Amino acid sequence: MKKIFLFFAIVSISMSGFAQGNDPAAKKILDAVSARFKSFKGVLASFTLKNEDNSGKVLGVKKGTVSMKGNKYKVSLAGQEIFCDGTTVWTYDKAANEVTINKVDNSSSTITPQKLFTNFYDKDFLYKLNGEKKEAGKTLQEIEMTPVDKTKQFHKVYIQVNKATQTLYSTKVLDKQQNKFIYTVNTMNGKATLADNLFTFDKSKYPGVEEVDLR
């Protein structure tokens, strides 16, 4: 589960690096993505997370879903689930049948799926628009981002935006060993009707679950 949060952290940080003096065309595109996402009342998205080594060999592929409503979210990925009702976060590990409970941390360093689409205010990256390309019948606008701080564990981030829908299509993170972590949004429904209880861990649905309460 820590790997899920690490990836969200890398992606969220990458999408927040729009410092003054950078490419205004890229900022215009990403501001539009943020505005588009904020207009959604309920979001249900499916995604694929792929890990490749520096030779391009695929090390792993996982598919998952994320539901978002206001400051609430639920992430499901390969037997792991994260629930957040805006106050409490439950992290469930299916293999261990264990759920870890934490309070929501509202500090600026906290990573949530919402920040993956909307956090555009950090100043840690240089960025530029690389241009457009066609893929799977879509016109994608690619933005290349380079961290100002060279001690970061990654050295390049490439964000692709679906030009027609103004939504995030994929994010590729390259670490210093040229390994790649690629997050691709497969589907996104911005008109999803999501009940509030979806974002709360219901212990009765997980017989024998062990609770680790860190609140």
N, C-alpha and C. Protein backbone atom coordinates (compact mmCIF):
# COMPACT_ATOMS: atom_id res chain seq x y z
N MET A 1 0.82 -1.20 0.00
CA MET A 1 0.00 0.00 0.00
C MET A 1 0.86 1.25 0.00
N LYS A 2 2.03 1.18 0.64
CA LYS A 2 2.92 2.32 0.65
C LYS A 2 3.34 2.70 -0.76
N LYS A 3 3.45 1.70 -1.65
CA LYS A 3 3.84 1.98 -3.02
C LYS A 3 2.77 2.79 -3.73
N ILE A 4 1.49 2.51 -3.42
CA ILE A 4 0.40 3.28 -4.02
C ILE A 4 0.54 4.74 -3.61
N PHE A 5 0.74 4.99 -2.32
CA PHE A 5 0.85 6.36 -1.85
C PHE A 5 2.09 7.04 -2.42
N LEU A 6 3.20 6.27 -2.55
CA LEU A 6 4.42 6.83 -3.11
C LEU A 6 4.18 7.28 -4.53
N PHE A 7 3.48 6.45 -5.32
CA PHE A 7 3.23 6.82 -6.70
C PHE A 7 2.33 8.04 -6.77
N PHE A 8 1.25 8.07 -5.97
CA PHE A 8 0.39 9.24 -5.95
C PHE A 8 1.18 10.48 -5.54
N ALA A 9 2.11 10.29 -4.61
CA ALA A 9 2.92 11.43 -4.16
C ALA A 9 3.76 11.97 -5.30
N ILE A 10 4.43 11.08 -6.02
CA ILE A 10 5.28 11.51 -7.13
C ILE A 10 4.45 12.22 -8.19
N VAL A 11 3.33 11.62 -8.55
CA VAL A 11 2.49 12.20 -9.59
C VAL A 11 1.91 13.54 -9.14
N SER A 12 1.43 13.59 -7.90
CA SER A 12 0.84 14.83 -7.41
C SER A 12 1.86 15.95 -7.38
N ILE A 13 3.07 15.63 -6.90
CA ILE A 13 4.11 16.64 -6.87
C ILE A 13 4.44 17.07 -8.29
N SER A 14 4.48 16.11 -9.20
CA SER A 14 4.81 16.45 -10.59
C SER A 14 3.78 17.39 -11.19
N MET A 15 2.53 17.24 -10.80
CA MET A 15 1.47 18.07 -11.39
C MET A 15 1.32 19.40 -10.68
N SER A 16 2.15 19.64 -9.66
CA SER A 16 2.01 20.88 -8.93
C SER A 16 3.12 21.86 -9.27
N GLY A 17 4.02 21.49 -10.15
CA GLY A 17 5.22 22.29 -10.34
C GLY A 17 5.15 23.34 -11.41
N PHE A 18 4.25 24.28 -11.31
CA PHE A 18 4.07 25.26 -12.37
C PHE A 18 4.58 26.63 -11.93
N ALA A 19 5.89 26.76 -11.91
CA ALA A 19 6.49 27.98 -11.40
C ALA A 19 6.37 29.11 -12.42
N GLN A 20 6.41 30.34 -11.90
CA GLN A 20 6.38 31.49 -12.77
C GLN A 20 7.61 31.48 -13.66
N GLY A 21 7.47 31.94 -14.90
CA GLY A 21 8.59 31.97 -15.82
C GLY A 21 8.68 30.73 -16.68
N ASN A 22 7.84 29.74 -16.43
CA ASN A 22 7.83 28.53 -17.25
C ASN A 22 6.91 28.73 -18.45
N ASP A 23 6.78 27.68 -19.24
CA ASP A 23 6.04 27.74 -20.50
C ASP A 23 4.57 28.09 -20.25
N PRO A 24 4.11 29.25 -20.70
CA PRO A 24 2.71 29.64 -20.45
C PRO A 24 1.72 28.75 -21.19
N ALA A 25 2.12 28.16 -22.31
CA ALA A 25 1.21 27.26 -23.03
C ALA A 25 0.93 26.02 -22.21
N ALA A 26 1.95 25.51 -21.54
CA ALA A 26 1.77 24.34 -20.69
C ALA A 26 0.89 24.68 -19.49
N LYS A 27 1.12 25.83 -18.89
CA LYS A 27 0.30 26.23 -17.74
C LYS A 27 -1.16 26.40 -18.13
N LYS A 28 -1.42 26.94 -19.30
CA LYS A 28 -2.79 27.12 -19.77
C LYS A 28 -3.51 25.78 -19.88
N ILE A 29 -2.81 24.78 -20.40
CA ILE A 29 -3.39 23.45 -20.56
C ILE A 29 -3.71 22.84 -19.20
N LEU A 30 -2.76 22.91 -18.27
CA LEU A 30 -2.93 22.27 -16.98
C LEU A 30 -3.93 23.01 -16.09
N ASP A 31 -4.01 24.31 -16.24
CA ASP A 31 -5.06 25.05 -15.53
C ASP A 31 -6.44 24.62 -16.02
N ALA A 32 -6.54 24.34 -17.32
CA ALA A 32 -7.81 23.89 -17.89
C ALA A 32 -8.18 22.51 -17.35
N VAL A 33 -7.18 21.64 -17.17
CA VAL A 33 -7.42 20.31 -16.60
C VAL A 33 -7.95 20.45 -15.17
N SER A 34 -7.34 21.35 -14.40
CA SER A 34 -7.78 21.57 -13.02
C SER A 34 -9.21 22.08 -12.98
N ALA A 35 -9.52 23.08 -13.81
CA ALA A 35 -10.86 23.64 -13.82
C ALA A 35 -11.90 22.61 -14.24
N ARG A 36 -11.53 21.79 -15.22
CA ARG A 36 -12.44 20.74 -15.69
C ARG A 36 -12.74 19.75 -14.57
N PHE A 37 -11.70 19.32 -13.88
CA PHE A 37 -11.90 18.34 -12.81
C PHE A 37 -12.75 18.91 -11.69
N LYS A 38 -12.52 20.16 -11.34
CA LYS A 38 -13.25 20.78 -10.23
C LYS A 38 -14.73 20.96 -10.56
N SER A 39 -15.08 20.88 -11.84
CA SER A 39 -16.49 21.01 -12.22
C SER A 39 -17.26 19.71 -12.02
N PHE A 40 -16.55 18.61 -11.79
CA PHE A 40 -17.21 17.32 -11.59
C PHE A 40 -17.72 17.19 -10.16
N LYS A 41 -18.96 16.72 -10.00
CA LYS A 41 -19.52 16.51 -8.66
C LYS A 41 -19.17 15.14 -8.11
N GLY A 42 -19.03 14.17 -8.99
CA GLY A 42 -18.65 12.82 -8.58
C GLY A 42 -17.84 12.20 -9.70
N VAL A 43 -16.70 11.60 -9.37
CA VAL A 43 -15.81 11.04 -10.38
C VAL A 43 -15.57 9.55 -10.12
N LEU A 44 -15.73 8.75 -11.15
CA LEU A 44 -15.37 7.34 -11.11
C LEU A 44 -14.43 7.09 -12.26
N ALA A 45 -13.21 6.70 -11.97
CA ALA A 45 -12.20 6.49 -13.00
C ALA A 45 -11.55 5.13 -12.84
N SER A 46 -11.15 4.55 -13.95
CA SER A 46 -10.35 3.33 -13.93
C SER A 46 -8.96 3.68 -14.47
N PHE A 47 -7.95 2.98 -13.98
CA PHE A 47 -6.59 3.31 -14.39
C PHE A 47 -5.72 2.06 -14.43
N THR A 48 -4.59 2.20 -15.09
CA THR A 48 -3.57 1.15 -15.13
C THR A 48 -2.26 1.73 -14.64
N LEU A 49 -1.58 1.00 -13.78
CA LEU A 49 -0.27 1.39 -13.27
C LEU A 49 0.75 0.37 -13.76
N LYS A 50 1.70 0.84 -14.58
CA LYS A 50 2.70 -0.06 -15.17
C LYS A 50 4.10 0.37 -14.74
N ASN A 51 4.93 -0.61 -14.42
CA ASN A 51 6.32 -0.36 -14.01
C ASN A 51 7.25 -1.03 -15.03
N GLU A 52 8.18 -0.24 -15.59
CA GLU A 52 9.16 -0.77 -16.56
C GLU A 52 10.56 -0.48 -16.06
N ASP A 53 11.52 -1.38 -16.39
CA ASP A 53 12.91 -1.11 -16.05
C ASP A 53 13.53 -0.24 -17.13
N ASN A 54 14.84 0.05 -17.00
CA ASN A 54 15.48 0.99 -17.92
C ASN A 54 15.69 0.43 -19.32
N SER A 55 15.41 -0.86 -19.52
CA SER A 55 15.49 -1.43 -20.86
C SER A 55 14.10 -1.54 -21.51
N GLY A 56 13.09 -1.12 -20.77
CA GLY A 56 11.73 -1.18 -21.29
C GLY A 56 10.99 -2.46 -20.93
N LYS A 57 11.64 -3.34 -20.17
CA LYS A 57 10.99 -4.57 -19.74
C LYS A 57 9.91 -4.25 -18.71
N VAL A 58 8.72 -4.81 -18.92
CA VAL A 58 7.61 -4.59 -18.00
C VAL A 58 7.80 -5.43 -16.75
N LEU A 59 7.85 -4.78 -15.60
CA LEU A 59 8.05 -5.46 -14.33
C LEU A 59 6.73 -5.77 -13.62
N GLY A 60 5.71 -5.04 -13.97
CA GLY A 60 4.42 -5.27 -13.34
C GLY A 60 3.35 -4.36 -13.90
N VAL A 61 2.13 -4.87 -13.94
CA VAL A 61 0.99 -4.08 -14.38
C VAL A 61 -0.16 -4.32 -13.41
N LYS A 62 -0.76 -3.25 -12.93
CA LYS A 62 -1.90 -3.35 -12.04
C LYS A 62 -3.01 -2.45 -12.55
N LYS A 63 -4.23 -2.94 -12.43
CA LYS A 63 -5.39 -2.14 -12.79
C LYS A 63 -6.16 -1.78 -11.53
N GLY A 64 -6.75 -0.61 -11.54
CA GLY A 64 -7.48 -0.17 -10.36
C GLY A 64 -8.57 0.81 -10.71
N THR A 65 -9.28 1.23 -9.67
CA THR A 65 -10.32 2.24 -9.82
C THR A 65 -10.17 3.27 -8.70
N VAL A 66 -10.67 4.47 -8.96
CA VAL A 66 -10.70 5.51 -7.95
C VAL A 66 -12.03 6.23 -8.05
N SER A 67 -12.67 6.42 -6.91
CA SER A 67 -13.92 7.19 -6.81
C SER A 67 -13.64 8.42 -5.98
N MET A 68 -14.16 9.58 -6.42
CA MET A 68 -13.90 10.84 -5.72
C MET A 68 -15.17 11.69 -5.66
N LYS A 69 -15.38 12.30 -4.50
CA LYS A 69 -16.54 13.18 -4.31
C LYS A 69 -16.14 14.21 -3.26
N GLY A 70 -15.97 15.45 -3.67
CA GLY A 70 -15.49 16.46 -2.73
C GLY A 70 -14.12 16.08 -2.20
N ASN A 71 -13.98 16.02 -0.87
CA ASN A 71 -12.71 15.61 -0.27
C ASN A 71 -12.70 14.13 0.12
N LYS A 72 -13.69 13.38 -0.38
CA LYS A 72 -13.77 11.95 -0.10
C LYS A 72 -13.23 11.16 -1.29
N TYR A 73 -12.67 9.98 -1.00
CA TYR A 73 -12.18 9.13 -2.09
C TYR A 73 -12.10 7.67 -1.66
N LYS A 74 -12.07 6.81 -2.66
CA LYS A 74 -11.80 5.39 -2.46
C LYS A 74 -10.94 4.91 -3.61
N VAL A 75 -9.85 4.22 -3.28
CA VAL A 75 -8.94 3.66 -4.28
C VAL A 75 -8.92 2.15 -4.11
N SER A 76 -9.10 1.42 -5.20
CA SER A 76 -9.01 -0.05 -5.19
C SER A 76 -7.94 -0.46 -6.19
N LEU A 77 -6.97 -1.25 -5.72
CA LEU A 77 -5.87 -1.68 -6.59
C LEU A 77 -5.30 -2.99 -6.10
N ALA A 78 -5.47 -4.04 -6.88
CA ALA A 78 -4.82 -5.34 -6.64
C ALA A 78 -4.94 -5.82 -5.20
N GLY A 79 -6.17 -5.98 -4.72
CA GLY A 79 -6.38 -6.52 -3.39
C GLY A 79 -6.16 -5.54 -2.27
N GLN A 80 -5.98 -4.27 -2.61
CA GLN A 80 -5.78 -3.24 -1.61
C GLN A 80 -6.82 -2.15 -1.81
N GLU A 81 -7.26 -1.57 -0.72
CA GLU A 81 -8.28 -0.52 -0.79
C GLU A 81 -7.94 0.60 0.19
N ILE A 82 -8.21 1.83 -0.22
CA ILE A 82 -8.05 2.99 0.64
C ILE A 82 -9.39 3.72 0.66
N PHE A 83 -9.90 3.97 1.84
CA PHE A 83 -11.15 4.71 2.01
C PHE A 83 -10.85 6.01 2.74
N CYS A 84 -11.50 7.09 2.34
CA CYS A 84 -11.37 8.35 3.07
C CYS A 84 -12.70 9.08 3.03
N ASP A 85 -13.24 9.40 4.20
CA ASP A 85 -14.52 10.11 4.28
C ASP A 85 -14.33 11.60 4.54
N GLY A 86 -13.09 12.06 4.40
CA GLY A 86 -12.78 13.46 4.63
C GLY A 86 -12.22 13.72 6.01
N THR A 87 -12.42 12.77 6.93
CA THR A 87 -11.93 12.90 8.30
C THR A 87 -10.98 11.77 8.67
N THR A 88 -11.33 10.56 8.23
CA THR A 88 -10.57 9.35 8.57
C THR A 88 -10.14 8.63 7.30
N VAL A 89 -8.95 8.01 7.35
CA VAL A 89 -8.44 7.21 6.23
C VAL A 89 -8.27 5.77 6.71
N TRP A 90 -8.89 4.84 5.99
CA TRP A 90 -8.74 3.41 6.26
C TRP A 90 -7.95 2.79 5.11
N THR A 91 -6.87 2.09 5.43
CA THR A 91 -6.05 1.42 4.43
C THR A 91 -6.17 -0.08 4.66
N TYR A 92 -6.81 -0.78 3.73
CA TYR A 92 -7.09 -2.20 3.90
C TYR A 92 -6.17 -3.05 3.03
N ASP A 93 -5.53 -4.04 3.66
CA ASP A 93 -4.67 -5.00 2.97
C ASP A 93 -5.39 -6.34 2.96
N LYS A 94 -5.82 -6.77 1.78
CA LYS A 94 -6.62 -8.00 1.68
C LYS A 94 -5.83 -9.23 2.09
N ALA A 95 -4.57 -9.34 1.67
CA ALA A 95 -3.76 -10.52 1.97
C ALA A 95 -3.61 -10.73 3.47
N ALA A 96 -3.44 -9.63 4.20
CA ALA A 96 -3.27 -9.72 5.65
C ALA A 96 -4.60 -9.62 6.38
N ASN A 97 -5.66 -9.28 5.66
CA ASN A 97 -6.98 -8.99 6.25
C ASN A 97 -6.81 -8.03 7.42
N GLU A 98 -6.14 -6.91 7.12
CA GLU A 98 -5.82 -5.91 8.13
C GLU A 98 -6.16 -4.53 7.61
N VAL A 99 -6.72 -3.70 8.46
CA VAL A 99 -7.01 -2.31 8.09
C VAL A 99 -6.31 -1.38 9.06
N THR A 100 -5.59 -0.40 8.51
CA THR A 100 -4.91 0.60 9.32
C THR A 100 -5.72 1.89 9.25
N ILE A 101 -5.96 2.50 10.41
CA ILE A 101 -6.83 3.67 10.50
C ILE A 101 -6.01 4.88 10.94
N ASN A 102 -6.13 5.96 10.18
CA ASN A 102 -5.43 7.20 10.49
C ASN A 102 -6.39 8.38 10.35
N LYS A 103 -6.06 9.47 11.03
CA LYS A 103 -6.77 10.72 10.80
C LYS A 103 -6.27 11.33 9.49
N VAL A 104 -7.13 12.09 8.83
CA VAL A 104 -6.72 12.80 7.63
C VAL A 104 -5.71 13.88 8.02
N ASP A 105 -4.63 13.95 7.26
CA ASP A 105 -3.62 14.99 7.46
C ASP A 105 -3.87 16.06 6.41
N ASN A 106 -4.26 17.23 6.84
CA ASN A 106 -4.62 18.30 5.91
C ASN A 106 -3.45 19.21 5.55
N SER A 107 -2.23 18.81 5.89
CA SER A 107 -1.08 19.64 5.55
C SER A 107 -0.86 19.64 4.05
N SER A 108 -0.10 20.59 3.57
CA SER A 108 0.13 20.74 2.14
C SER A 108 0.90 19.58 1.55
N SER A 109 1.59 18.81 2.41
CA SER A 109 2.38 17.69 1.91
C SER A 109 1.57 16.41 1.76
N THR A 110 0.32 16.43 2.23
CA THR A 110 -0.52 15.25 2.16
C THR A 110 -0.93 14.97 0.72
N ILE A 111 -0.91 13.69 0.34
CA ILE A 111 -1.25 13.30 -1.02
C ILE A 111 -2.63 12.65 -1.04
N THR A 112 -3.50 13.12 -1.92
CA THR A 112 -4.79 12.49 -2.14
C THR A 112 -4.98 12.32 -3.63
N PRO A 113 -5.87 11.42 -4.05
CA PRO A 113 -6.13 11.29 -5.50
C PRO A 113 -6.60 12.59 -6.12
N GLN A 114 -7.33 13.43 -5.37
CA GLN A 114 -7.80 14.69 -5.92
C GLN A 114 -6.63 15.57 -6.37
N LYS A 115 -5.54 15.55 -5.60
CA LYS A 115 -4.38 16.36 -5.95
C LYS A 115 -3.73 15.90 -7.25
N LEU A 116 -3.97 14.66 -7.59
CA LEU A 116 -3.45 14.13 -8.84
C LEU A 116 -3.97 14.93 -10.03
N PHE A 117 -5.15 15.50 -9.88
CA PHE A 117 -5.80 16.22 -10.97
C PHE A 117 -5.84 17.73 -10.76
N THR A 118 -5.63 18.22 -9.54
CA THR A 118 -5.94 19.62 -9.30
C THR A 118 -4.84 20.44 -8.64
N ASN A 119 -3.76 19.86 -8.18
CA ASN A 119 -2.77 20.63 -7.43
C ASN A 119 -1.75 21.26 -8.38
N PHE A 120 -1.90 22.55 -8.63
CA PHE A 120 -1.06 23.23 -9.61
C PHE A 120 -0.26 24.39 -9.03
N TYR A 121 0.11 24.34 -7.77
CA TYR A 121 0.60 25.57 -7.17
C TYR A 121 2.00 25.49 -6.56
N ASP A 122 2.66 24.41 -6.71
CA ASP A 122 4.02 24.28 -6.18
C ASP A 122 4.98 24.94 -7.15
N LYS A 123 6.19 25.18 -6.72
CA LYS A 123 7.17 25.87 -7.57
C LYS A 123 8.49 25.11 -7.64
N ASP A 124 8.41 23.79 -7.68
CA ASP A 124 9.61 22.97 -7.63
C ASP A 124 10.07 22.44 -8.98
N PHE A 125 9.35 22.75 -10.05
CA PHE A 125 9.67 22.18 -11.34
C PHE A 125 9.79 23.21 -12.45
N LEU A 126 10.64 22.90 -13.41
CA LEU A 126 10.67 23.58 -14.70
C LEU A 126 9.82 22.75 -15.65
N TYR A 127 9.05 23.38 -16.51
CA TYR A 127 8.16 22.60 -17.37
C TYR A 127 8.04 23.26 -18.75
N LYS A 128 7.70 22.43 -19.71
CA LYS A 128 7.51 22.93 -21.07
C LYS A 128 6.55 22.02 -21.81
N LEU A 129 5.90 22.58 -22.82
CA LEU A 129 5.01 21.81 -23.67
C LEU A 129 5.84 21.20 -24.79
N ASN A 130 5.81 19.88 -24.89
CA ASN A 130 6.58 19.19 -25.93
C ASN A 130 5.85 19.13 -27.26
N GLY A 131 4.55 19.35 -27.25
CA GLY A 131 3.78 19.29 -28.49
C GLY A 131 2.64 18.31 -28.38
N GLU A 132 2.13 17.91 -29.54
CA GLU A 132 0.97 17.01 -29.59
C GLU A 132 1.31 15.74 -30.36
N LYS A 133 0.57 14.67 -30.03
CA LYS A 133 0.70 13.44 -30.79
C LYS A 133 -0.61 12.69 -30.74
N LYS A 134 -0.77 11.75 -31.66
CA LYS A 134 -1.97 10.93 -31.73
C LYS A 134 -1.70 9.58 -31.07
N GLU A 135 -2.65 9.14 -30.26
CA GLU A 135 -2.54 7.81 -29.65
C GLU A 135 -3.94 7.30 -29.35
N ALA A 136 -4.22 6.09 -29.80
CA ALA A 136 -5.52 5.46 -29.56
C ALA A 136 -6.67 6.36 -29.99
N GLY A 137 -6.47 7.07 -31.11
CA GLY A 137 -7.52 7.93 -31.63
C GLY A 137 -7.69 9.25 -30.89
N LYS A 138 -6.77 9.55 -29.98
CA LYS A 138 -6.85 10.78 -29.18
C LYS A 138 -5.70 11.71 -29.54
N THR A 139 -5.93 13.01 -29.44
CA THR A 139 -4.87 13.99 -29.55
C THR A 139 -4.37 14.31 -28.16
N LEU A 140 -3.10 14.01 -27.91
CA LEU A 140 -2.52 14.18 -26.58
C LEU A 140 -1.50 15.31 -26.58
N GLN A 141 -1.58 16.14 -25.58
CA GLN A 141 -0.62 17.22 -25.38
C GLN A 141 0.34 16.80 -24.26
N GLU A 142 1.62 16.77 -24.59
CA GLU A 142 2.62 16.28 -23.62
C GLU A 142 3.39 17.43 -22.99
N ILE A 143 3.47 17.39 -21.66
CA ILE A 143 4.23 18.38 -20.91
C ILE A 143 5.36 17.68 -20.18
N GLU A 144 6.57 18.18 -20.39
CA GLU A 144 7.76 17.62 -19.76
C GLU A 144 8.13 18.46 -18.55
N MET A 145 8.39 17.78 -17.43
CA MET A 145 8.70 18.49 -16.19
C MET A 145 9.99 17.98 -15.59
N THR A 146 10.84 18.93 -15.14
CA THR A 146 12.14 18.61 -14.57
C THR A 146 12.24 19.24 -13.19
N PRO A 147 12.55 18.46 -12.16
CA PRO A 147 12.64 19.04 -10.81
C PRO A 147 13.82 19.99 -10.68
N VAL A 148 13.59 21.10 -10.01
CA VAL A 148 14.67 22.05 -9.74
C VAL A 148 15.66 21.44 -8.75
N ASP A 149 15.14 20.74 -7.77
CA ASP A 149 15.96 20.08 -6.75
C ASP A 149 16.48 18.77 -7.31
N LYS A 150 17.76 18.71 -7.60
CA LYS A 150 18.35 17.53 -8.23
C LYS A 150 18.52 16.36 -7.28
N THR A 151 18.18 16.53 -6.00
CA THR A 151 18.26 15.42 -5.06
C THR A 151 16.97 14.59 -5.07
N LYS A 152 15.97 15.02 -5.83
CA LYS A 152 14.72 14.25 -5.93
C LYS A 152 15.02 12.84 -6.43
N GLN A 153 14.17 11.88 -6.04
CA GLN A 153 14.39 10.49 -6.44
C GLN A 153 14.02 10.24 -7.90
N PHE A 154 13.40 11.21 -8.56
CA PHE A 154 13.07 11.08 -9.98
C PHE A 154 13.61 12.30 -10.71
N HIS A 155 13.88 12.16 -12.01
CA HIS A 155 14.51 13.28 -12.72
C HIS A 155 13.67 13.81 -13.87
N LYS A 156 12.63 13.09 -14.30
CA LYS A 156 11.75 13.58 -15.35
C LYS A 156 10.33 13.09 -15.10
N VAL A 157 9.37 13.92 -15.46
CA VAL A 157 7.97 13.54 -15.41
C VAL A 157 7.32 14.02 -16.71
N TYR A 158 6.57 13.13 -17.35
CA TYR A 158 5.88 13.48 -18.58
C TYR A 158 4.38 13.32 -18.35
N ILE A 159 3.65 14.41 -18.54
CA ILE A 159 2.20 14.40 -18.38
C ILE A 159 1.55 14.52 -19.74
N GLN A 160 0.57 13.67 -20.01
CA GLN A 160 -0.17 13.74 -21.26
C GLN A 160 -1.63 14.09 -20.96
N VAL A 161 -2.13 15.07 -21.67
CA VAL A 161 -3.50 15.56 -21.48
C VAL A 161 -4.30 15.30 -22.75
N ASN A 162 -5.49 14.77 -22.57
CA ASN A 162 -6.41 14.58 -23.69
C ASN A 162 -6.94 15.96 -24.10
N LYS A 163 -6.55 16.40 -25.30
CA LYS A 163 -6.88 17.76 -25.74
C LYS A 163 -8.39 17.98 -25.85
N ALA A 164 -9.10 16.97 -26.33
CA ALA A 164 -10.54 17.12 -26.57
C ALA A 164 -11.33 17.25 -25.28
N THR A 165 -10.95 16.48 -24.26
CA THR A 165 -11.72 16.46 -23.01
C THR A 165 -11.11 17.29 -21.90
N GLN A 166 -9.86 17.77 -22.11
CA GLN A 166 -9.13 18.53 -21.09
C GLN A 166 -9.03 17.75 -19.78
N THR A 167 -8.71 16.48 -19.92
CA THR A 167 -8.53 15.62 -18.75
C THR A 167 -7.18 14.91 -18.84
N LEU A 168 -6.67 14.51 -17.69
CA LEU A 168 -5.40 13.80 -17.63
C LEU A 168 -5.51 12.44 -18.31
N TYR A 169 -4.59 12.14 -19.22
CA TYR A 169 -4.57 10.83 -19.88
C TYR A 169 -3.52 9.92 -19.25
N SER A 170 -2.32 10.43 -19.04
CA SER A 170 -1.29 9.59 -18.43
C SER A 170 -0.20 10.44 -17.80
N THR A 171 0.51 9.81 -16.88
CA THR A 171 1.69 10.43 -16.27
C THR A 171 2.80 9.38 -16.23
N LYS A 172 3.97 9.75 -16.74
CA LYS A 172 5.12 8.84 -16.73
C LYS A 172 6.23 9.46 -15.89
N VAL A 173 6.67 8.72 -14.88
CA VAL A 173 7.72 9.19 -13.99
C VAL A 173 8.98 8.36 -14.23
N LEU A 174 10.11 9.04 -14.47
CA LEU A 174 11.39 8.37 -14.66
C LEU A 174 12.27 8.62 -13.45
N ASP A 175 12.75 7.52 -12.84
CA ASP A 175 13.66 7.72 -11.71
C ASP A 175 15.08 7.85 -12.24
N LYS A 176 16.02 8.00 -11.35
CA LYS A 176 17.40 8.27 -11.77
C LYS A 176 18.08 7.07 -12.40
N GLN A 177 17.48 5.89 -12.27
CA GLN A 177 18.00 4.69 -12.93
C GLN A 177 17.25 4.42 -14.23
N GLN A 178 16.43 5.38 -14.66
CA GLN A 178 15.65 5.29 -15.89
C GLN A 178 14.52 4.26 -15.82
N ASN A 179 14.17 3.82 -14.62
CA ASN A 179 12.97 3.00 -14.46
C ASN A 179 11.76 3.90 -14.64
N LYS A 180 10.67 3.33 -15.15
CA LYS A 180 9.48 4.12 -15.46
C LYS A 180 8.27 3.62 -14.67
N PHE A 181 7.48 4.57 -14.20
CA PHE A 181 6.20 4.29 -13.56
C PHE A 181 5.15 5.05 -14.37
N ILE A 182 4.26 4.31 -15.00
CA ILE A 182 3.32 4.91 -15.94
C ILE A 182 1.89 4.71 -15.44
N TYR A 183 1.21 5.80 -15.22
CA TYR A 183 -0.18 5.80 -14.76
C TYR A 183 -1.03 6.27 -15.92
N THR A 184 -1.96 5.42 -16.37
CA THR A 184 -2.83 5.76 -17.49
C THR A 184 -4.29 5.71 -17.05
N VAL A 185 -5.01 6.78 -17.32
CA VAL A 185 -6.45 6.81 -17.02
C VAL A 185 -7.17 6.14 -18.18
N ASN A 186 -7.86 5.05 -17.91
CA ASN A 186 -8.56 4.31 -18.96
C ASN A 186 -9.95 4.87 -19.22
N THR A 187 -10.69 5.13 -18.16
CA THR A 187 -12.03 5.71 -18.28
C THR A 187 -12.24 6.72 -17.17
N MET A 188 -13.07 7.73 -17.44
CA MET A 188 -13.41 8.69 -16.41
C MET A 188 -14.85 9.16 -16.60
N ASN A 189 -15.63 8.99 -15.55
CA ASN A 189 -17.02 9.44 -15.54
C ASN A 189 -17.13 10.57 -14.53
N GLY A 190 -17.35 11.78 -15.01
CA GLY A 190 -17.44 12.93 -14.13
C GLY A 190 -18.84 13.21 -13.63
N LYS A 191 -19.79 12.32 -13.97
CA LYS A 191 -21.18 12.50 -13.54
C LYS A 191 -21.65 11.34 -12.68
N ALA A 192 -20.70 10.68 -12.03
CA ALA A 192 -21.03 9.50 -11.22
C ALA A 192 -21.82 9.90 -9.98
N THR A 193 -22.83 9.09 -9.66
CA THR A 193 -23.59 9.26 -8.43
C THR A 193 -22.99 8.36 -7.37
N LEU A 194 -22.39 8.95 -6.35
CA LEU A 194 -21.63 8.19 -5.36
C LEU A 194 -22.21 8.43 -3.96
N ALA A 195 -22.64 7.36 -3.31
CA ALA A 195 -23.18 7.45 -1.95
C ALA A 195 -22.05 7.72 -0.96
N ASP A 196 -22.32 8.46 0.07
CA ASP A 196 -21.29 8.81 1.06
C ASP A 196 -20.71 7.58 1.76
N ASN A 197 -21.53 6.52 1.94
CA ASN A 197 -21.01 5.34 2.65
C ASN A 197 -19.97 4.57 1.83
N LEU A 198 -19.83 4.91 0.54
CA LEU A 198 -18.80 4.27 -0.28
C LEU A 198 -17.41 4.59 0.24
N PHE A 199 -17.27 5.73 0.91
CA PHE A 199 -15.96 6.22 1.32
C PHE A 199 -15.63 5.89 2.78
N THR A 200 -16.44 5.04 3.38
CA THR A 200 -16.23 4.63 4.77
C THR A 200 -16.00 3.12 4.83
N PHE A 201 -15.01 2.70 5.58
CA PHE A 201 -14.73 1.27 5.74
C PHE A 201 -15.79 0.63 6.62
N ASP A 202 -16.47 -0.37 6.08
CA ASP A 202 -17.52 -1.08 6.81
C ASP A 202 -16.97 -2.42 7.31
N LYS A 203 -16.64 -2.47 8.59
CA LYS A 203 -16.00 -3.64 9.17
C LYS A 203 -16.83 -4.91 8.99
N SER A 204 -18.15 -4.77 8.94
CA SER A 204 -19.02 -5.95 8.84
C SER A 204 -18.85 -6.68 7.51
N LYS A 205 -18.30 -6.01 6.52
CA LYS A 205 -18.10 -6.62 5.20
C LYS A 205 -16.76 -7.34 5.09
N TYR A 206 -15.96 -7.29 6.16
CA TYR A 206 -14.63 -7.91 6.16
C TYR A 206 -14.48 -8.79 7.40
N PRO A 207 -15.09 -9.97 7.40
CA PRO A 207 -15.07 -10.85 8.58
C PRO A 207 -13.66 -11.13 9.07
N GLY A 208 -13.44 -10.99 10.36
CA GLY A 208 -12.15 -11.31 10.96
C GLY A 208 -11.08 -10.27 10.76
N VAL A 209 -11.41 -9.13 10.17
CA VAL A 209 -10.39 -8.13 9.89
C VAL A 209 -9.73 -7.62 11.18
N GLU A 210 -8.43 -7.44 11.13
CA GLU A 210 -7.69 -6.89 12.26
C GLU A 210 -7.54 -5.39 12.07
N GLU A 211 -7.88 -4.63 13.10
CA GLU A 211 -7.81 -3.18 13.02
C GLU A 211 -6.54 -2.67 13.73
N VAL A 212 -5.83 -1.78 13.05
CA VAL A 212 -4.67 -1.10 13.65
C VAL A 212 -5.02 0.38 13.66
N ASP A 213 -5.45 0.88 14.80
CA ASP A 213 -5.94 2.24 14.92
C ASP A 213 -4.81 3.16 15.37
N LEU A 214 -4.37 4.04 14.47
CA LEU A 214 -3.27 4.94 14.75
C LEU A 214 -3.73 6.38 14.97
N ARG A 215 -5.03 6.56 15.16
CA ARG A 215 -5.55 7.91 15.38
C ARG A 215 -5.15 8.45 16.78
